[in-house]
N, C-alpha and C. Protein backbone atom coordinates (compact mmCIF):
# COMPACT_ATOMS: atom_id res chain seq x y z
N UNK A 1 0.82 -1.19 0.00
CA UNK A 1 0.00 0.00 0.00
C UNK A 1 0.87 1.26 0.00
N UNK A 2 1.90 1.28 0.87
CA UNK A 2 2.77 2.44 0.94
C UNK A 2 3.55 2.63 -0.35
N UNK A 3 3.89 1.51 -0.99
CA UNK A 3 4.64 1.59 -2.24
C UNK A 3 3.79 2.24 -3.33
N UNK A 4 2.52 1.92 -3.37
CA UNK A 4 1.62 2.50 -4.37
C UNK A 4 1.44 3.99 -4.13
N UNK A 5 1.35 4.40 -2.87
CA UNK A 5 1.22 5.83 -2.53
C UNK A 5 2.48 6.57 -2.93
N UNK A 6 3.64 5.96 -2.64
CA UNK A 6 4.91 6.59 -2.98
C UNK A 6 5.05 6.76 -4.49
N UNK A 7 4.68 5.73 -5.25
CA UNK A 7 4.78 5.81 -6.71
C UNK A 7 3.82 6.86 -7.26
N UNK A 8 2.60 6.92 -6.74
CA UNK A 8 1.65 7.92 -7.22
C UNK A 8 2.11 9.33 -6.85
N UNK A 9 2.69 9.48 -5.67
CA UNK A 9 3.21 10.77 -5.26
C UNK A 9 4.38 11.19 -6.15
N UNK A 10 5.25 10.25 -6.45
CA UNK A 10 6.38 10.53 -7.33
C UNK A 10 5.90 10.91 -8.72
N UNK A 11 4.91 10.21 -9.24
CA UNK A 11 4.35 10.52 -10.55
C UNK A 11 3.70 11.89 -10.55
N UNK A 12 2.94 12.20 -9.52
CA UNK A 12 2.29 13.50 -9.42
C UNK A 12 3.32 14.62 -9.37
N UNK A 13 4.35 14.45 -8.55
CA UNK A 13 5.38 15.49 -8.43
C UNK A 13 6.16 15.66 -9.72
N UNK A 14 6.48 14.56 -10.39
CA UNK A 14 7.26 14.68 -11.61
C UNK A 14 6.45 15.36 -12.72
N UNK A 15 5.14 15.12 -12.75
CA UNK A 15 4.32 15.76 -13.77
C UNK A 15 4.05 17.22 -13.44
N UNK A 16 3.87 17.52 -12.18
CA UNK A 16 3.56 18.90 -11.81
C UNK A 16 4.80 19.78 -11.79
N UNK A 17 5.97 19.23 -11.55
CA UNK A 17 7.20 20.02 -11.45
C UNK A 17 7.85 20.20 -12.82
N UNK A 18 7.67 19.28 -13.73
CA UNK A 18 8.39 19.34 -15.00
C UNK A 18 7.95 20.52 -15.86
N UNK A 19 6.71 20.93 -15.79
CA UNK A 19 6.23 22.04 -16.62
C UNK A 19 6.90 23.36 -16.27
N UNK A 20 6.96 23.79 -15.00
CA UNK A 20 7.64 25.05 -14.70
C UNK A 20 9.14 25.00 -14.99
N UNK A 21 9.76 23.84 -14.78
CA UNK A 21 11.19 23.73 -15.03
C UNK A 21 11.47 23.90 -16.51
N UNK A 22 10.65 23.28 -17.36
CA UNK A 22 10.85 23.43 -18.79
C UNK A 22 10.55 24.85 -19.25
N UNK A 23 9.59 25.48 -18.63
CA UNK A 23 9.27 26.85 -19.00
C UNK A 23 10.38 27.81 -18.58
N UNK A 24 11.07 27.50 -17.50
CA UNK A 24 12.15 28.37 -17.02
C UNK A 24 13.44 28.16 -17.80
N UNK A 25 13.50 27.15 -18.68
CA UNK A 25 14.71 26.85 -19.41
C UNK A 25 14.91 27.71 -20.64
N UNK A 26 14.01 28.63 -20.92
CA UNK A 26 14.14 29.47 -22.11
C UNK A 26 15.42 30.26 -22.05
N UNK A 27 16.12 30.28 -23.17
CA UNK A 27 17.39 31.02 -23.20
C UNK A 27 17.12 32.48 -23.52
N UNK A 28 17.77 33.32 -22.75
CA UNK A 28 17.70 34.75 -23.01
C UNK A 28 18.97 35.17 -23.69
N UNK A 29 18.83 35.93 -24.72
CA UNK A 29 20.01 36.50 -25.33
C UNK A 29 20.17 37.91 -24.79
N UNK A 30 21.25 38.15 -24.03
CA UNK A 30 21.40 39.46 -23.42
C UNK A 30 21.65 40.54 -24.46
N UNK A 31 20.98 41.63 -24.30
CA UNK A 31 21.19 42.77 -25.19
C UNK A 31 22.43 43.50 -24.72
N UNK A 32 23.08 44.25 -25.61
CA UNK A 32 24.29 44.95 -25.21
C UNK A 32 24.08 45.94 -24.08
N UNK A 33 22.86 46.42 -23.89
CA UNK A 33 22.62 47.37 -22.81
C UNK A 33 22.54 46.66 -21.46
N UNK A 34 22.26 45.34 -21.45
CA UNK A 34 22.14 44.59 -20.20
C UNK A 34 23.49 44.19 -19.62
N UNK A 35 24.53 44.16 -20.43
CA UNK A 35 25.83 43.69 -19.97
C UNK A 35 26.49 44.77 -19.12
N UNK A 36 26.87 44.43 -17.88
CA UNK A 36 27.52 45.42 -17.02
C UNK A 36 28.87 45.86 -17.58
N UNK A 37 29.33 47.00 -17.17
CA UNK A 37 30.57 47.58 -17.68
C UNK A 37 31.77 46.69 -17.35
N UNK A 38 31.81 46.14 -16.13
CA UNK A 38 32.95 45.30 -15.74
C UNK A 38 33.05 44.06 -16.62
N UNK A 39 31.90 43.47 -16.93
CA UNK A 39 31.89 42.28 -17.77
C UNK A 39 32.30 42.64 -19.19
N UNK A 40 31.85 43.78 -19.69
CA UNK A 40 32.22 44.22 -21.03
C UNK A 40 33.73 44.43 -21.12
N UNK A 41 34.34 44.99 -20.06
CA UNK A 41 35.79 45.21 -20.05
C UNK A 41 36.53 43.88 -20.11
N UNK A 42 36.05 42.89 -19.34
CA UNK A 42 36.70 41.57 -19.35
C UNK A 42 36.55 40.90 -20.71
N UNK A 43 35.38 41.01 -21.32
CA UNK A 43 35.18 40.40 -22.64
C UNK A 43 36.05 41.08 -23.70
N UNK A 44 36.18 42.38 -23.61
CA UNK A 44 37.05 43.10 -24.55
C UNK A 44 38.50 42.67 -24.39
N UNK A 45 38.93 42.48 -23.13
CA UNK A 45 40.30 42.03 -22.89
C UNK A 45 40.52 40.63 -23.46
N UNK A 46 39.54 39.74 -23.32
CA UNK A 46 39.66 38.40 -23.90
C UNK A 46 39.78 38.47 -25.42
N UNK A 47 38.99 39.32 -26.05
CA UNK A 47 39.07 39.48 -27.50
C UNK A 47 40.43 40.05 -27.91
N UNK A 48 40.94 40.96 -27.11
CA UNK A 48 42.25 41.56 -27.39
C UNK A 48 43.35 40.51 -27.30
N UNK A 49 43.28 39.65 -26.29
CA UNK A 49 44.28 38.59 -26.14
C UNK A 49 44.16 37.59 -27.29
N UNK A 50 42.93 37.29 -27.68
CA UNK A 50 42.71 36.35 -28.77
C UNK A 50 43.28 36.87 -30.09
N UNK A 51 43.21 38.18 -30.29
CA UNK A 51 43.66 38.77 -31.54
C UNK A 51 45.17 39.02 -31.57
N UNK A 52 45.84 38.85 -30.43
CA UNK A 52 47.29 39.11 -30.37
C UNK A 52 48.08 38.10 -31.17
N UNK A 53 49.24 38.54 -31.68
CA UNK A 53 50.19 37.64 -32.33
C UNK A 53 51.11 37.09 -31.24
N UNK A 54 50.91 35.84 -30.88
CA UNK A 54 51.65 35.27 -29.76
C UNK A 54 52.91 34.54 -30.20
N UNK A 55 53.21 34.54 -31.48
CA UNK A 55 54.36 33.78 -31.97
C UNK A 55 55.69 34.36 -31.51
N UNK A 56 55.77 35.66 -31.31
CA UNK A 56 57.03 36.26 -30.91
C UNK A 56 57.11 36.54 -29.40
N UNK A 57 56.18 36.00 -28.63
CA UNK A 57 56.21 36.17 -27.18
C UNK A 57 57.10 35.09 -26.55
N UNK A 58 57.68 35.42 -25.43
CA UNK A 58 58.48 34.45 -24.70
C UNK A 58 57.57 33.50 -23.92
N UNK A 59 58.18 32.44 -23.44
CA UNK A 59 57.42 31.41 -22.74
C UNK A 59 56.73 31.96 -21.48
N UNK A 60 57.43 32.78 -20.73
CA UNK A 60 56.87 33.35 -19.50
C UNK A 60 55.70 34.29 -19.82
N UNK A 61 55.81 35.04 -20.92
CA UNK A 61 54.73 35.95 -21.31
C UNK A 61 53.49 35.18 -21.73
N UNK A 62 53.69 34.07 -22.46
CA UNK A 62 52.55 33.24 -22.85
C UNK A 62 51.87 32.62 -21.62
N UNK A 63 52.71 32.21 -20.66
CA UNK A 63 52.17 31.63 -19.43
C UNK A 63 51.36 32.67 -18.66
N UNK A 64 51.85 33.90 -18.62
CA UNK A 64 51.13 34.97 -17.93
C UNK A 64 49.80 35.26 -18.62
N UNK A 65 49.80 35.23 -19.95
CA UNK A 65 48.54 35.45 -20.69
C UNK A 65 47.54 34.34 -20.41
N UNK A 66 48.02 33.08 -20.37
CA UNK A 66 47.12 31.96 -20.07
C UNK A 66 46.51 32.11 -18.68
N UNK A 67 47.33 32.50 -17.72
CA UNK A 67 46.82 32.71 -16.36
C UNK A 67 45.79 33.83 -16.34
N UNK A 68 46.05 34.89 -17.09
CA UNK A 68 45.10 36.01 -17.13
C UNK A 68 43.78 35.58 -17.75
N UNK A 69 43.85 34.81 -18.82
CA UNK A 69 42.63 34.33 -19.49
C UNK A 69 41.83 33.44 -18.54
N UNK A 70 42.51 32.54 -17.84
CA UNK A 70 41.81 31.67 -16.88
C UNK A 70 41.15 32.47 -15.78
N UNK A 71 41.87 33.48 -15.27
CA UNK A 71 41.31 34.30 -14.20
C UNK A 71 40.08 35.06 -14.68
N UNK A 72 40.15 35.60 -15.88
CA UNK A 72 39.01 36.34 -16.43
C UNK A 72 37.82 35.41 -16.63
N UNK A 73 38.07 34.21 -17.15
CA UNK A 73 36.97 33.27 -17.39
C UNK A 73 36.32 32.83 -16.09
N UNK A 74 37.10 32.62 -15.03
CA UNK A 74 36.49 32.24 -13.76
C UNK A 74 35.68 33.39 -13.18
N UNK A 75 36.16 34.62 -13.34
CA UNK A 75 35.39 35.77 -12.88
C UNK A 75 34.09 35.90 -13.65
N UNK A 76 34.12 35.64 -14.96
CA UNK A 76 32.91 35.73 -15.76
C UNK A 76 31.91 34.65 -15.36
N UNK A 77 32.40 33.46 -15.02
CA UNK A 77 31.49 32.39 -14.59
C UNK A 77 30.82 32.73 -13.26
N UNK A 78 31.55 33.40 -12.38
CA UNK A 78 30.97 33.71 -11.07
C UNK A 78 29.99 34.88 -11.14
N UNK A 79 29.99 35.63 -12.23
CA UNK A 79 29.05 36.74 -12.35
C UNK A 79 27.72 36.29 -12.94
N UNK A 80 27.50 34.97 -13.01
CA UNK A 80 26.24 34.45 -13.53
C UNK A 80 25.06 34.91 -12.69
N UNK A 81 23.91 35.00 -13.32
CA UNK A 81 22.71 35.48 -12.63
C UNK A 81 21.83 34.31 -12.26
N UNK A 82 21.85 33.93 -10.99
CA UNK A 82 20.92 32.92 -10.53
C UNK A 82 21.57 31.59 -10.22
N UNK A 83 20.75 30.70 -9.69
CA UNK A 83 21.17 29.36 -9.34
C UNK A 83 20.39 28.40 -10.23
N UNK A 84 21.10 27.45 -10.82
CA UNK A 84 20.45 26.49 -11.70
C UNK A 84 20.35 25.15 -10.99
N UNK A 85 19.12 24.61 -10.93
CA UNK A 85 18.87 23.31 -10.31
C UNK A 85 18.21 22.43 -11.35
N UNK A 86 18.74 21.23 -11.52
CA UNK A 86 18.16 20.32 -12.50
C UNK A 86 16.81 19.81 -12.00
N UNK A 87 16.03 19.26 -12.91
CA UNK A 87 14.70 18.77 -12.56
C UNK A 87 14.79 17.60 -11.60
N UNK A 88 15.77 16.72 -11.80
CA UNK A 88 15.94 15.57 -10.90
C UNK A 88 16.28 16.00 -9.49
N UNK A 89 17.17 16.98 -9.37
CA UNK A 89 17.54 17.49 -8.04
C UNK A 89 16.35 18.15 -7.37
N UNK A 90 15.55 18.85 -8.15
CA UNK A 90 14.36 19.50 -7.60
C UNK A 90 13.37 18.47 -7.07
N UNK A 91 13.19 17.37 -7.78
CA UNK A 91 12.28 16.31 -7.35
C UNK A 91 12.78 15.67 -6.05
N UNK A 92 14.09 15.42 -6.00
CA UNK A 92 14.66 14.82 -4.79
C UNK A 92 14.50 15.75 -3.59
N UNK A 93 14.73 17.03 -3.79
CA UNK A 93 14.58 18.00 -2.71
C UNK A 93 13.14 18.03 -2.21
N UNK A 94 12.20 18.05 -3.15
CA UNK A 94 10.79 18.06 -2.75
C UNK A 94 10.40 16.78 -2.01
N UNK A 95 10.89 15.64 -2.46
CA UNK A 95 10.60 14.38 -1.76
C UNK A 95 11.16 14.38 -0.35
N UNK A 96 12.37 14.88 -0.21
CA UNK A 96 12.95 14.96 1.13
C UNK A 96 12.16 15.88 2.05
N UNK A 97 11.70 16.99 1.51
CA UNK A 97 10.92 17.91 2.32
C UNK A 97 9.60 17.27 2.75
N UNK A 98 8.96 16.56 1.82
CA UNK A 98 7.67 15.92 2.14
C UNK A 98 7.85 14.78 3.13
N UNK A 99 8.90 13.97 2.95
CA UNK A 99 9.11 12.83 3.83
C UNK A 99 9.56 13.23 5.22
N UNK A 100 10.24 14.34 5.33
CA UNK A 100 10.71 14.76 6.65
C UNK A 100 9.66 15.61 7.27
């Protein structure tokens, strides 16, 4: 009996939760006016490094550029807007909340 209730609850939650999650997955293309100035500066620096002629640079200079690119990319990743939770994780969280 409990197994049937658990399965029906799981089915109900998966059907009711999947619709908002799929609706929230729409991709937004940011307009140039939405991009903050700091992010624009970092993106411009990445483009500048990409366009550089690195063939005549020394090994230490190339290493410094690689470190700078990595640092900029990690900063750009941390400036993301929001927290992303997968549908499976959301279902597990809801089940834990209901069971506890």
